[in-house]
Amino acid sequence: MLINDAFAQTADAVSSSGSFTGMVVQLLLIFAIFYFLLIRPQQKRLKEHEAKLKAIKRGDNIITGGGIYAKVISVDDAKDELQAEIASNVTVRVVRSTVRDVVLEEVKAANSNKKTKK
């Protein structure tokens, strides 16, 4: 009485509305967008960071993974460790892979100029 009979669609109507190749093309397009917007830039940043860590030398100022600013006193490439001075006459051993960033001298000079002007 209140329910109408449902009629099944024919196979032609289903196959024409959504094709398998169209779905594959859409998935490939989504993967390409993810690759170029997310994966590729992250890999580029990782390579730059690794190159920066390998280039650390004596006298560089670094920031450790814990946020401590330090000056590199010596580099041991065999053990992948750095000897860093965090305060006068206070040195610590730091594993190279835990260094977060190398502080550039220009940035440090700019920060010290701001402090002296205030």
Protein backbone atom coordinates (compact mmCIF):
# COMPACT_ATOMS: atom_id res chain seq x y z
CA MET A 1 0.00 0.00 0.00
CA LEU A 2 2.45 2.66 1.08
CA ILE A 3 5.58 1.07 -0.41
CA ASN A 4 6.13 1.17 -4.15
CA ASP A 5 7.80 -1.67 -5.97
CA ALA A 6 11.54 -1.11 -6.49
CA PHE A 7 12.87 -1.88 -9.91
CA ALA A 8 16.43 -3.07 -10.32
CA GLN A 9 18.67 -1.13 -12.66
CA THR A 10 19.99 -2.81 -15.70
CA ALA A 11 23.68 -3.63 -16.01
CA ASP A 12 24.10 -0.99 -18.73
CA ALA A 13 23.03 1.84 -16.45
CA VAL A 14 25.50 0.85 -13.68
CA SER A 15 28.53 0.41 -15.92
CA SER A 16 28.02 3.71 -17.73
CA SER A 17 27.67 5.80 -14.57
CA GLY A 18 30.95 4.78 -12.89
CA SER A 19 33.71 3.13 -14.84
CA PHE A 20 36.69 1.37 -13.33
CA THR A 21 39.21 3.30 -15.40
CA GLY A 22 37.75 6.62 -14.25
CA MET A 23 38.18 5.56 -10.64
CA VAL A 24 41.80 4.49 -11.25
CA VAL A 25 42.59 7.81 -12.93
CA GLN A 26 41.13 9.70 -9.96
CA LEU A 27 43.19 7.67 -7.48
CA LEU A 28 46.37 8.26 -9.51
CA LEU A 29 45.62 11.98 -9.63
CA ILE A 30 45.12 12.11 -5.85
CA PHE A 31 48.39 10.22 -5.30
CA ALA A 32 50.25 12.62 -7.62
CA ILE A 33 48.89 15.62 -5.72
CA PHE A 34 49.94 14.10 -2.37
CA TYR A 35 53.39 13.32 -3.76
CA PHE A 36 54.07 16.82 -5.10
CA LEU A 37 52.51 18.73 -2.20
CA LEU A 38 53.50 16.59 0.81
CA ILE A 39 56.04 13.83 0.22
CA ARG A 40 58.52 15.55 -2.12
CA PRO A 41 58.97 18.77 -0.08
CA GLN A 42 59.45 16.73 3.10
CA GLN A 43 62.16 14.62 1.44
CA LYS A 44 63.87 17.79 0.22
CA ARG A 45 63.91 19.30 3.74
CA LEU A 46 65.26 16.04 5.17
CA LYS A 47 68.14 15.98 2.67
CA GLU A 48 68.97 19.62 3.43
CA HIS A 49 68.95 18.91 7.17
CA GLU A 50 71.23 15.88 6.76
CA ALA A 51 73.65 17.92 4.64
CA LYS A 52 73.66 20.64 7.28
CA LEU A 53 74.44 18.09 10.01
CA LYS A 54 77.29 16.56 8.00
CA ALA A 55 78.79 20.03 7.45
CA ILE A 56 79.07 20.86 11.17
CA LYS A 57 82.61 21.88 12.03
CA ARG A 58 84.56 23.26 14.96
CA GLY A 59 83.38 26.73 15.97
CA ASP A 60 79.80 26.38 14.72
CA ASN A 61 76.95 27.37 16.98
CA ILE A 62 74.21 24.73 17.24
CA ILE A 63 70.87 24.12 18.87
CA THR A 64 70.48 20.64 20.34
CA GLY A 65 67.28 18.61 20.29
CA GLY A 66 66.62 19.73 23.87
CA GLY A 67 66.83 23.40 22.89
CA ILE A 68 70.27 24.10 24.31
CA TYR A 69 72.47 26.57 22.44
CA ALA A 70 76.07 25.37 22.25
CA LYS A 71 79.34 26.02 20.47
CA VAL A 72 81.08 23.06 18.84
CA ILE A 73 84.57 22.48 20.25
CA SER A 74 85.47 19.26 18.45
CA VAL A 75 83.94 16.83 15.96
CA ASP A 76 84.43 13.06 16.08
CA ASP A 77 83.31 11.68 12.70
CA ALA A 78 84.10 8.08 13.67
CA LYS A 79 81.59 8.08 16.55
CA ASP A 80 79.30 10.71 14.99
CA GLU A 81 79.62 12.82 18.13
CA LEU A 82 80.29 16.46 18.84
CA GLN A 83 81.97 18.01 21.85
CA ALA A 84 80.00 21.19 22.57
CA GLU A 85 80.42 23.97 25.12
CA ILE A 86 77.11 25.07 26.64
CA ALA A 87 78.63 27.48 29.18
CA SER A 88 82.14 28.60 30.03
CA ASN A 89 84.15 25.50 30.98
CA VAL A 90 81.07 23.25 30.67
CA THR A 91 81.26 20.79 27.77
CA VAL A 92 78.93 18.00 26.76
CA ARG A 93 79.03 15.24 24.19
CA VAL A 94 76.22 15.46 21.67
CA VAL A 95 75.24 12.85 19.11
CA ARG A 96 75.22 14.54 15.71
CA SER A 97 71.75 13.27 14.79
CA THR A 98 70.21 15.02 17.83
CA VAL A 99 71.28 18.47 16.63
CA ARG A 100 68.19 20.38 15.62
CA ASP A 101 69.78 23.29 13.78
CA VAL A 102 72.99 25.15 13.06
CA VAL A 103 72.78 28.80 14.09
CA LEU A 104 74.02 31.12 11.40
CA GLU A 105 76.35 33.93 12.44
CA GLU A 106 74.21 36.56 10.67
CA VAL A 107 71.17 35.59 12.75
CA LYS A 108 73.18 35.63 15.96
CA ALA A 109 74.66 39.06 15.12
CA ALA A 110 71.23 40.45 14.30
CA ASN A 111 69.83 39.21 17.61
CA SER A 112 72.71 40.71 19.58
CA ASN A 113 72.21 44.06 17.78
CA LYS A 114 68.55 44.09 18.78
CA LYS A 115 69.48 43.47 22.42
CA THR A 116 72.04 46.29 22.49
CA LYS A 117 69.60 48.80 20.95
CA LYS A 118 66.97 48.25 23.67
